[in-house]
Amino acid sequence: MKSIKEAQSDLVNDTCAECGSFVDIGAVVEETDVLLQLPFAGENAKADAEALAAKAKARFADVLVRLIAQDNGWLLQLEFGCSAEKMIFQLQNSLP
């Protein structure tokens, strides 16, 4: 356990002797990380972006959706109420 703590960054606070985890979730997830930006290209770009926006609205009532036209397609911006909502949506939809 001592060697694990010595190898950690100062941002990590691991005091769990049982599980041996080495990352404090607060060091990985920032509470202000609520904006998900996804580019869409191709002939169905707008429809695909709108479909994903509808999924976000159905799952999280407070999500703010912006669809921005670009030269090469569309940019979908989803702004969630908290970073956990963003992460859940990304995981549920296999998004980066």
PDB file of N, CA and C in Angstrom:
ATOM      1  N   MET A   1       0.830  -1.189   0.000  1.00  0.00           N
ATOM      2  CA  MET A   1       0.000   0.000   0.000  1.00  0.00           C
ATOM      3  C   MET A   1       0.868   1.245   0.000  1.00  0.00           C
ATOM      4  N   LYS A   2       1.948   1.229   0.765  1.00  0.00           N
ATOM      5  CA  LYS A   2       2.818   2.395   0.849  1.00  0.00           C
ATOM      6  C   LYS A   2       3.416   2.728  -0.515  1.00  0.00           C
ATOM      7  N   SER A   3       3.818   1.711  -1.261  1.00  0.00           N
ATOM      8  CA  SER A   3       4.404   1.960  -2.579  1.00  0.00           C
ATOM      9  C   SER A   3       3.374   2.525  -3.556  1.00  0.00           C
ATOM     10  N   ILE A   4       2.127   2.119  -3.408  1.00  0.00           N
ATOM     11  CA  ILE A   4       1.066   2.666  -4.266  1.00  0.00           C
ATOM     12  C   ILE A   4       0.899   4.145  -3.986  1.00  0.00           C
ATOM     13  N   LYS A   5       0.828   4.518  -2.721  1.00  0.00           N
ATOM     14  CA  LYS A   5       0.657   5.931  -2.353  1.00  0.00           C
ATOM     15  C   LYS A   5       1.845   6.774  -2.816  1.00  0.00           C
ATOM     16  N   GLU A   6       3.051   6.227  -2.710  1.00  0.00           N
ATOM     17  CA  GLU A   6       4.237   6.962  -3.129  1.00  0.00           C
ATOM     18  C   GLU A   6       4.271   7.188  -4.632  1.00  0.00           C
ATOM     19  N   ALA A   7       3.661   6.299  -5.393  1.00  0.00           N
ATOM     20  CA  ALA A   7       3.666   6.411  -6.849  1.00  0.00           C
ATOM     21  C   ALA A   7       2.555   7.319  -7.371  1.00  0.00           C
ATOM     22  N   GLN A   8       1.664   7.744  -6.505  1.00  0.00           N
ATOM     23  CA  GLN A   8       0.520   8.556  -6.913  1.00  0.00           C
ATOM     24  C   GLN A   8       0.882  10.020  -7.096  1.00  0.00           C
ATOM     25  N   SER A   9       0.103  10.664  -7.925  1.00  0.00           N
ATOM     26  CA  SER A   9       0.179  12.112  -8.078  1.00  0.00           C
ATOM     27  C   SER A   9      -0.368  12.768  -6.814  1.00  0.00           C
ATOM     28  N   ASP A  10      -0.041  14.021  -6.596  1.00  0.00           N
ATOM     29  CA  ASP A  10      -0.596  14.760  -5.463  1.00  0.00           C
ATOM     30  C   ASP A  10      -2.093  14.981  -5.610  1.00  0.00           C
ATOM     31  N   LEU A  11      -2.616  14.850  -6.837  1.00  0.00           N
ATOM     32  CA  LEU A  11      -4.042  15.032  -7.073  1.00  0.00           C
ATOM     33  C   LEU A  11      -4.858  13.822  -6.639  1.00  0.00           C
ATOM     34  N   VAL A  12      -4.197  12.703  -6.409  1.00  0.00           N
ATOM     35  CA  VAL A  12      -4.887  11.469  -6.061  1.00  0.00           C
ATOM     36  C   VAL A  12      -4.890  11.291  -4.551  1.00  0.00           C
ATOM     37  N   ASN A  13      -6.053  10.929  -4.024  1.00  0.00           N
ATOM     38  CA  ASN A  13      -6.187  10.687  -2.598  1.00  0.00           C
ATOM     39  C   ASN A  13      -6.730   9.289  -2.407  1.00  0.00           C
ATOM     40  N   ASP A  14      -5.854   8.301  -2.353  1.00  0.00           N
ATOM     41  CA  ASP A  14      -6.268   6.917  -2.188  1.00  0.00           C
ATOM     42  C   ASP A  14      -5.947   6.460  -0.785  1.00  0.00           C
ATOM     43  N   THR A  15      -6.980   6.261  -0.002  1.00  0.00           N
ATOM     44  CA  THR A  15      -6.784   5.771   1.350  1.00  0.00           C
ATOM     45  C   THR A  15      -7.444   4.416   1.538  1.00  0.00           C
ATOM     46  N   CYS A  16      -7.858   3.799   0.462  1.00  0.00           N
ATOM     47  CA  CYS A  16      -8.547   2.513   0.537  1.00  0.00           C
ATOM     48  C   CYS A  16      -7.540   1.370   0.528  1.00  0.00           C
ATOM     49  N   ALA A  17      -7.355   0.756   1.672  1.00  0.00           N
ATOM     50  CA  ALA A  17      -6.419  -0.360   1.775  1.00  0.00           C
ATOM     51  C   ALA A  17      -7.045  -1.652   1.270  1.00  0.00           C
ATOM     52  N   GLU A  18      -8.365  -1.690   1.177  1.00  0.00           N
ATOM     53  CA  GLU A  18      -9.070  -2.906   0.770  1.00  0.00           C
ATOM     54  C   GLU A  18      -9.066  -3.114  -0.738  1.00  0.00           C
ATOM     55  N   CYS A  19      -9.434  -2.074  -1.467  1.00  0.00           N
ATOM     56  CA  CYS A  19      -9.598  -2.255  -2.907  1.00  0.00           C
ATOM     57  C   CYS A  19      -8.322  -1.937  -3.685  1.00  0.00           C
ATOM     58  N   GLY A  20      -7.449  -1.125  -3.124  1.00  0.00           N
ATOM     59  CA  GLY A  20      -6.199  -0.812  -3.804  1.00  0.00           C
ATOM     60  C   GLY A  20      -6.368   0.069  -5.013  1.00  0.00           C
ATOM     61  N   SER A  21      -7.505   0.764  -5.117  1.00  0.00           N
ATOM     62  CA  SER A  21      -7.695   1.660  -6.256  1.00  0.00           C
ATOM     63  C   SER A  21      -6.652   2.760  -6.190  1.00  0.00           C
ATOM     64  N   PHE A  22      -6.273   3.277  -7.344  1.00  0.00           N
ATOM     65  CA  PHE A  22      -5.214   4.274  -7.344  1.00  0.00           C
ATOM     66  C   PHE A  22      -5.624   5.580  -7.979  1.00  0.00           C
ATOM     67  N   VAL A  23      -6.932   5.788  -8.205  1.00  0.00           N
ATOM     68  CA  VAL A  23      -7.390   7.044  -8.792  1.00  0.00           C
ATOM     69  C   VAL A  23      -8.554   7.579  -7.988  1.00  0.00           C
ATOM     70  N   ASP A  24      -8.450   8.818  -7.599  1.00  0.00           N
ATOM     71  CA  ASP A  24      -9.551   9.513  -6.966  1.00  0.00           C
ATOM     72  C   ASP A  24     -10.447  10.008  -8.090  1.00  0.00           C
ATOM     73  N   ILE A  25     -11.716   9.655  -8.075  1.00  0.00           N
ATOM     74  CA  ILE A  25     -12.613   9.989  -9.189  1.00  0.00           C
ATOM     75  C   ILE A  25     -12.642  11.497  -9.439  1.00  0.00           C
ATOM     76  N   GLY A  26     -12.423  12.291  -8.412  1.00  0.00           N
ATOM     77  CA  GLY A  26     -12.389  13.742  -8.581  1.00  0.00           C
ATOM     78  C   GLY A  26     -11.209  14.212  -9.408  1.00  0.00           C
ATOM     79  N   ALA A  27     -10.180  13.382  -9.506  1.00  0.00           N
ATOM     80  CA  ALA A  27      -9.028  13.736 -10.329  1.00  0.00           C
ATOM     81  C   ALA A  27      -9.281  13.419 -11.795  1.00  0.00           C
ATOM     82  N   VAL A  28     -10.285  12.613 -12.074  1.00  0.00           N
ATOM     83  CA  VAL A  28     -10.601  12.195 -13.440  1.00  0.00           C
ATOM     84  C   VAL A  28     -11.780  12.988 -14.002  1.00  0.00           C
ATOM     85  N   VAL A  29     -12.763  13.266 -13.180  1.00  0.00           N
ATOM     86  CA  VAL A  29     -13.991  13.929 -13.612  1.00  0.00           C
ATOM     87  C   VAL A  29     -14.047  15.326 -13.016  1.00  0.00           C
ATOM     88  N   GLU A  30     -14.104  16.313 -13.873  1.00  0.00           N
ATOM     89  CA  GLU A  30     -14.248  17.687 -13.404  1.00  0.00           C
ATOM     90  C   GLU A  30     -15.720  18.043 -13.373  1.00  0.00           C
ATOM     91  N   GLU A  31     -16.156  18.701 -12.318  1.00  0.00           N
ATOM     92  CA  GLU A  31     -17.569  19.035 -12.193  1.00  0.00           C
ATOM     93  C   GLU A  31     -18.040  20.020 -13.265  1.00  0.00           C
ATOM     94  N   THR A  32     -17.117  20.744 -13.867  1.00  0.00           N
ATOM     95  CA  THR A  32     -17.490  21.711 -14.906  1.00  0.00           C
ATOM     96  C   THR A  32     -17.471  21.105 -16.310  1.00  0.00           C
ATOM     97  N   ASP A  33     -17.146  19.828 -16.421  1.00  0.00           N
ATOM     98  CA  ASP A  33     -17.078  19.155 -17.727  1.00  0.00           C
ATOM     99  C   ASP A  33     -18.471  18.693 -18.127  1.00  0.00           C
ATOM    100  N   VAL A  34     -19.285  19.618 -18.608  1.00  0.00           N
ATOM    101  CA  VAL A  34     -20.684  19.320 -18.915  1.00  0.00           C
ATOM    102  C   VAL A  34     -21.023  19.456 -20.409  1.00  0.00           C
ATOM    103  N   LEU A  35     -20.083  19.915 -21.213  1.00  0.00           N
ATOM    104  CA  LEU A  35     -20.345  20.155 -22.632  1.00  0.00           C
ATOM    105  C   LEU A  35     -19.785  19.020 -23.484  1.00  0.00           C
ATOM    106  N   LEU A  36     -20.676  18.371 -24.233  1.00  0.00           N
ATOM    107  CA  LEU A  36     -20.283  17.318 -25.161  1.00  0.00           C
ATOM    108  C   LEU A  36     -20.464  17.876 -26.571  1.00  0.00           C
ATOM    109  N   GLN A  37     -19.389  17.864 -27.361  1.00  0.00           N
ATOM    110  CA  GLN A  37     -19.431  18.370 -28.730  1.00  0.00           C
ATOM    111  C   GLN A  37     -19.157  17.216 -29.687  1.00  0.00           C
ATOM    112  N   LEU A  38     -20.072  17.005 -30.614  1.00  0.00           N
ATOM    113  CA  LEU A  38     -19.957  15.893 -31.549  1.00  0.00           C
ATOM    114  C   LEU A  38     -20.130  16.387 -32.983  1.00  0.00           C
ATOM    115  N   PRO A  39     -19.123  16.194 -33.813  1.00  0.00           N
ATOM    116  CA  PRO A  39     -19.247  16.583 -35.222  1.00  0.00           C
ATOM    117  C   PRO A  39     -19.954  15.476 -36.016  1.00  0.00           C
ATOM    118  N   PHE A  40     -20.759  15.874 -36.976  1.00  0.00           N
ATOM    119  CA  PHE A  40     -21.447  14.951 -37.866  1.00  0.00           C
ATOM    120  C   PHE A  40     -21.171  15.370 -39.294  1.00  0.00           C
ATOM    121  N   ALA A  41     -20.852  14.397 -40.134  1.00  0.00           N
ATOM    122  CA  ALA A  41     -20.589  14.669 -41.553  1.00  0.00           C
ATOM    123  C   ALA A  41     -21.306  13.624 -42.390  1.00  0.00           C
ATOM    124  N   GLY A  42     -21.472  13.935 -43.659  1.00  0.00           N
ATOM    125  CA  GLY A  42     -22.135  12.994 -44.561  1.00  0.00           C
ATOM    126  C   GLY A  42     -23.529  13.449 -44.909  1.00  0.00           C
ATOM    127  N   GLU A  43     -24.149  12.686 -45.771  1.00  0.00           N
ATOM    128  CA  GLU A  43     -25.453  13.130 -46.279  1.00  0.00           C
ATOM    129  C   GLU A  43     -26.564  13.044 -45.232  1.00  0.00           C
ATOM    130  N   ASN A  44     -26.408  12.216 -44.206  1.00  0.00           N
ATOM    131  CA  ASN A  44     -27.410  12.111 -43.142  1.00  0.00           C
ATOM    132  C   ASN A  44     -26.966  12.813 -41.856  1.00  0.00           C
ATOM    133  N   ALA A  45     -26.005  13.694 -41.962  1.00  0.00           N
ATOM    134  CA  ALA A  45     -25.394  14.318 -40.780  1.00  0.00           C
ATOM    135  C   ALA A  45     -26.424  15.021 -39.897  1.00  0.00           C
ATOM    136  N   LYS A  46     -27.258  15.845 -40.489  1.00  0.00           N
ATOM    137  CA  LYS A  46     -28.222  16.598 -39.686  1.00  0.00           C
ATOM    138  C   LYS A  46     -29.229  15.661 -39.028  1.00  0.00           C
ATOM    139  N   ALA A  47     -29.738  14.690 -39.751  1.00  0.00           N
ATOM    140  CA  ALA A  47     -30.702  13.746 -39.194  1.00  0.00           C
ATOM    141  C   ALA A  47     -30.073  12.923 -38.062  1.00  0.00           C
ATOM    142  N   ASP A  48     -28.829  12.504 -38.244  1.00  0.00           N
ATOM    143  CA  ASP A  48     -28.137  11.738 -37.203  1.00  0.00           C
ATOM    144  C   ASP A  48     -27.931  12.577 -35.951  1.00  0.00           C
ATOM    145  N   ALA A  49     -27.548  13.837 -36.136  1.00  0.00           N
ATOM    146  CA  ALA A  49     -27.351  14.741 -35.000  1.00  0.00           C
ATOM    147  C   ALA A  49     -28.673  14.992 -34.273  1.00  0.00           C
ATOM    148  N   GLU A  50     -29.728  15.201 -35.027  1.00  0.00           N
ATOM    149  CA  GLU A  50     -31.043  15.432 -34.421  1.00  0.00           C
ATOM    150  C   GLU A  50     -31.531  14.199 -33.666  1.00  0.00           C
ATOM    151  N   ALA A  51     -31.254  13.015 -34.192  1.00  0.00           N
ATOM    152  CA  ALA A  51     -31.656  11.775 -33.518  1.00  0.00           C
ATOM    153  C   ALA A  51     -30.928  11.617 -32.187  1.00  0.00           C
ATOM    154  N   LEU A  52     -29.642  11.930 -32.170  1.00  0.00           N
ATOM    155  CA  LEU A  52     -28.884  11.838 -30.924  1.00  0.00           C
ATOM    156  C   LEU A  52     -29.342  12.909 -29.934  1.00  0.00           C
ATOM    157  N   ALA A  53     -29.668  14.092 -30.434  1.00  0.00           N
ATOM    158  CA  ALA A  53     -30.184  15.163 -29.574  1.00  0.00           C
ATOM    159  C   ALA A  53     -31.508  14.731 -28.935  1.00  0.00           C
ATOM    160  N   ALA A  54     -32.351  14.060 -29.699  1.00  0.00           N
ATOM    161  CA  ALA A  54     -33.626  13.575 -29.167  1.00  0.00           C
ATOM    162  C   ALA A  54     -33.397  12.538 -28.065  1.00  0.00           C
ATOM    163  N   LYS A  55     -32.402  11.676 -28.235  1.00  0.00           N
ATOM    164  CA  LYS A  55     -32.063  10.699 -27.192  1.00  0.00           C
ATOM    165  C   LYS A  55     -31.636  11.413 -25.907  1.00  0.00           C
ATOM    166  N   ALA A  56     -30.822  12.454 -26.067  1.00  0.00           N
ATOM    167  CA  ALA A  56     -30.347  13.204 -24.904  1.00  0.00           C
ATOM    168  C   ALA A  56     -31.505  13.875 -24.186  1.00  0.00           C
ATOM    169  N   LYS A  57     -32.415  14.473 -24.942  1.00  0.00           N
ATOM    170  CA  LYS A  57     -33.569  15.157 -24.341  1.00  0.00           C
ATOM    171  C   LYS A  57     -34.490  14.163 -23.637  1.00  0.00           C
ATOM    172  N   ALA A  58     -34.638  12.977 -24.220  1.00  0.00           N
ATOM    173  CA  ALA A  58     -35.495  11.962 -23.615  1.00  0.00           C
ATOM    174  C   ALA A  58     -34.908  11.447 -22.303  1.00  0.00           C
ATOM    175  N   ARG A  59     -33.595  11.374 -22.232  1.00  0.00           N
ATOM    176  CA  ARG A  59     -32.922  10.826 -21.043  1.00  0.00           C
ATOM    177  C   ARG A  59     -32.709  11.877 -19.956  1.00  0.00           C
ATOM    178  N   PHE A  60     -32.391  13.117 -20.361  1.00  0.00           N
ATOM    179  CA  PHE A  60     -32.087  14.194 -19.412  1.00  0.00           C
ATOM    180  C   PHE A  60     -32.902  15.430 -19.788  1.00  0.00           C
ATOM    181  N   ALA A  61     -33.908  15.726 -19.000  1.00  0.00           N
ATOM    182  CA  ALA A  61     -34.851  16.802 -19.318  1.00  0.00           C
ATOM    183  C   ALA A  61     -34.191  18.176 -19.408  1.00  0.00           C
ATOM    184  N   ASP A  62     -33.127  18.408 -18.659  1.00  0.00           N
ATOM    185  CA  ASP A  62     -32.514  19.736 -18.601  1.00  0.00           C
ATOM    186  C   ASP A  62     -31.367  19.942 -19.581  1.00  0.00           C
ATOM    187  N   VAL A  63     -31.100  18.978 -20.446  1.00  0.00           N
ATOM    188  CA  VAL A  63     -29.978  19.116 -21.376  1.00  0.00           C
ATOM    189  C   VAL A  63     -30.273  20.247 -22.367  1.00  0.00           C
ATOM    190  N   LEU A  64     -29.260  21.063 -22.629  1.00  0.00           N
ATOM    191  CA  LEU A  64     -29.383  22.137 -23.619  1.00  0.00           C
ATOM    192  C   LEU A  64     -28.771  21.650 -24.921  1.00  0.00           C
ATOM    193  N   VAL A  65     -29.494  21.812 -26.016  1.00  0.00           N
ATOM    194  CA  VAL A  65     -29.059  21.303 -27.312  1.00  0.00           C
ATOM    195  C   VAL A  65     -28.825  22.464 -28.266  1.00  0.00           C
ATOM    196  N   ARG A  66     -27.670  22.430 -28.919  1.00  0.00           N
ATOM    197  CA  ARG A  66     -27.367  23.395 -29.976  1.00  0.00           C
ATOM    198  C   ARG A  66     -26.876  22.601 -31.183  1.00  0.00           C
ATOM    199  N   LEU A  67     -27.439  22.892 -32.331  1.00  0.00           N
ATOM    200  CA  LEU A  67     -27.026  22.268 -33.580  1.00  0.00           C
ATOM    201  C   LEU A  67     -26.481  23.380 -34.468  1.00  0.00           C
ATOM    202  N   ILE A  68     -25.201  23.289 -34.789  1.00  0.00           N
ATOM    203  CA  ILE A  68     -24.511  24.370 -35.494  1.00  0.00           C
ATOM    204  C   ILE A  68     -24.075  23.881 -36.866  1.00  0.00           C
ATOM    205  N   ALA A  69     -24.519  24.593 -37.904  1.00  0.00           N
ATOM    206  CA  ALA A  69     -24.118  24.253 -39.273  1.00  0.00           C
ATOM    207  C   ALA A  69     -22.656  24.622 -39.471  1.00  0.00           C
ATOM    208  N   GLN A  70     -21.919  23.719 -40.108  1.00  0.00           N
ATOM    209  CA  GLN A  70     -20.521  23.960 -40.426  1.00  0.00           C
ATOM    210  C   GLN A  70     -20.309  23.664 -41.909  1.00  0.00           C
ATOM    211  N   ASP A  71     -19.154  24.076 -42.427  1.00  0.00           N
ATOM    212  CA  ASP A  71     -18.854  23.855 -43.844  1.00  0.00           C
ATOM    213  C   ASP A  71     -18.890  22.382 -44.224  1.00  0.00           C
ATOM    214  N   ASN A  72     -18.414  21.529 -43.334  1.00  0.00           N
ATOM    215  CA  ASN A  72     -18.307  20.109 -43.661  1.00  0.00           C
ATOM    216  C   ASN A  72     -19.362  19.243 -42.979  1.00  0.00           C
ATOM    217  N   GLY A  73     -20.400  19.839 -42.403  1.00  0.00           N
ATOM    218  CA  GLY A  73     -21.447  19.063 -41.741  1.00  0.00           C
ATOM    219  C   GLY A  73     -22.106  19.850 -40.625  1.00  0.00           C
ATOM    220  N   TRP A  74     -22.321  19.170 -39.503  1.00  0.00           N
ATOM    221  CA  TRP A  74     -23.011  19.770 -38.366  1.00  0.00           C
ATOM    222  C   TRP A  74     -22.248  19.475 -37.084  1.00  0.00           C
ATOM    223  N   LEU A  75     -22.328  20.408 -36.148  1.00  0.00           N
ATOM    224  CA  LEU A  75     -21.751  20.210 -34.822  1.00  0.00           C
ATOM    225  C   LEU A  75     -22.895  20.195 -33.822  1.00  0.00           C
ATOM    226  N   LEU A  76     -23.007  19.093 -33.100  1.00  0.00           N
ATOM    227  CA  LEU A  76     -24.018  18.972 -32.059  1.00  0.00           C
ATOM    228  C   LEU A  76     -23.358  19.270 -30.719  1.00  0.00           C
ATOM    229  N   GLN A  77     -23.921  20.216 -30.002  1.00  0.00           N
ATOM    230  CA  GLN A  77     -23.445  20.538 -28.664  1.00  0.00           C
ATOM    231  C   GLN A  77     -24.539  20.174 -27.671  1.00  0.00           C
ATOM    232  N   LEU A  78     -24.189  19.347 -26.714  1.00  0.00           N
ATOM    233  CA  LEU A  78     -25.103  18.955 -25.654  1.00  0.00           C
ATOM    234  C   LEU A  78     -24.518  19.443 -24.339  1.00  0.00           C
ATOM    235  N   GLU A  79     -25.244  20.280 -23.642  1.00  0.00           N
ATOM    236  CA  GLU A  79     -24.777  20.796 -22.354  1.00  0.00           C
ATOM    237  C   GLU A  79     -25.654  20.197 -21.256  1.00  0.00           C
ATOM    238  N   PHE A  80     -25.029  19.368 -20.436  1.00  0.00           N
ATOM    239  CA  PHE A  80     -25.738  18.639 -19.398  1.00  0.00           C
ATOM    240  C   PHE A  80     -25.739  19.419 -18.088  1.00  0.00           C
ATOM    241  N   GLY A  81     -26.613  19.029 -17.184  1.00  0.00           N
ATOM    242  CA  GLY A  81     -26.714  19.690 -15.891  1.00  0.00           C
ATOM    243  C   GLY A  81     -25.521  19.427 -14.983  1.00  0.00           C
ATOM    244  N   CYS A  82     -24.878  18.275 -15.182  1.00  0.00           N
ATOM    245  CA  CYS A  82     -23.683  17.942 -14.392  1.00  0.00           C
ATOM    246  C   CYS A  82     -22.831  16.960 -15.189  1.00  0.00           C
ATOM    247  N   SER A  83     -21.588  16.827 -14.782  1.00  0.00           N
ATOM    248  CA  SER A  83     -20.655  15.976 -15.524  1.00  0.00           C
ATOM    249  C   SER A  83     -21.061  14.503 -15.478  1.00  0.00           C
ATOM    250  N   ALA A  84     -21.724  14.075 -14.405  1.00  0.00           N
ATOM    251  CA  ALA A  84     -22.167  12.682 -14.321  1.00  0.00           C
ATOM    252  C   ALA A  84     -23.178  12.365 -15.424  1.00  0.00           C
ATOM    253  N   GLU A  85     -24.093  13.297 -15.704  1.00  0.00           N
ATOM    254  CA  GLU A  85     -25.066  13.090 -16.782  1.00  0.00           C
ATOM    255  C   GLU A  85     -24.350  12.945 -18.121  1.00  0.00           C
ATOM    256  N   LYS A  86     -23.365  13.782 -18.345  1.00  0.00           N
ATOM    257  CA  LYS A  86     -22.594  13.698 -19.589  1.00  0.00           C
ATOM    258  C   LYS A  86     -21.935  12.336 -19.721  1.00  0.00           C
ATOM    259  N   MET A  87     -21.290  11.880 -18.659  1.00  0.00           N
ATOM    260  CA  MET A  87     -20.614  10.584 -18.690  1.00  0.00           C
ATOM    261  C   MET A  87     -21.594   9.439 -18.906  1.00  0.00           C
ATOM    262  N   ILE A  88     -22.727   9.486 -18.249  1.00  0.00           N
ATOM    263  CA  ILE A  88     -23.741   8.441 -18.406  1.00  0.00           C
ATOM    264  C   ILE A  88     -24.210   8.390 -19.849  1.00  0.00           C
ATOM    265  N   PHE A  89     -24.488   9.552 -20.435  1.00  0.00           N
ATOM    266  CA  PHE A  89     -24.956   9.598 -21.821  1.00  0.00           C
ATOM    267  C   PHE A  89     -23.892   9.055 -22.772  1.00  0.00           C
ATOM    268  N   GLN A  90     -22.647   9.428 -22.546  1.00  0.00           N
ATOM    269  CA  GLN A  90     -21.560   8.926 -23.386  1.00  0.00           C
ATOM    270  C   GLN A  90     -21.449   7.409 -23.283  1.00  0.00           C
ATOM    271  N   LEU A  91     -21.514   6.880 -22.094  1.00  0.00           N
ATOM    272  CA  LEU A  91     -21.402   5.440 -21.917  1.00  0.00           C
ATOM    273  C   LEU A  91     -22.581   4.694 -22.522  1.00  0.00           C
ATOM    274  N   GLN A  92     -23.793   5.215 -22.326  1.00  0.00           N
ATOM    275  CA  GLN A  92     -24.994   4.556 -22.846  1.00  0.00           C
ATOM    276  C   GLN A  92     -25.024   4.539 -24.377  1.00  0.00           C
ATOM    277  N   ASN A  93     -24.369   5.510 -24.990  1.00  0.00           N
ATOM    278  CA  ASN A  93     -24.427   5.634 -26.449  1.00  0.00           C
ATOM    279  C   ASN A  93     -23.080   5.367 -27.124  1.00  0.00           C
ATOM    280  N   SER A  94     -22.140   4.814 -26.375  1.00  0.00           N
ATOM    281  CA  SER A  94     -20.802   4.476 -26.894  1.00  0.00           C
ATOM    282  C   SER A  94     -20.143   5.652 -27.610  1.00  0.00           C
ATOM    283  N   LEU A  95     -20.153   6.794 -26.936  1.00  0.00           N
ATOM    284  CA  LEU A  95     -19.586   8.018 -27.504  1.00  0.00           C
ATOM    285  C   LEU A  95     -18.224   8.301 -26.866  1.00  0.00           C
ATOM    286  N   PRO A  96     -17.361   8.995 -27.603  1.00  0.00           N
ATOM    287  CA  PRO A  96     -16.042   9.337 -27.042  1.00  0.00           C
ATOM    288  C   PRO A  96     -16.137  10.382 -25.946  1.00  0.00           C
TER     289      PRO A  96
END
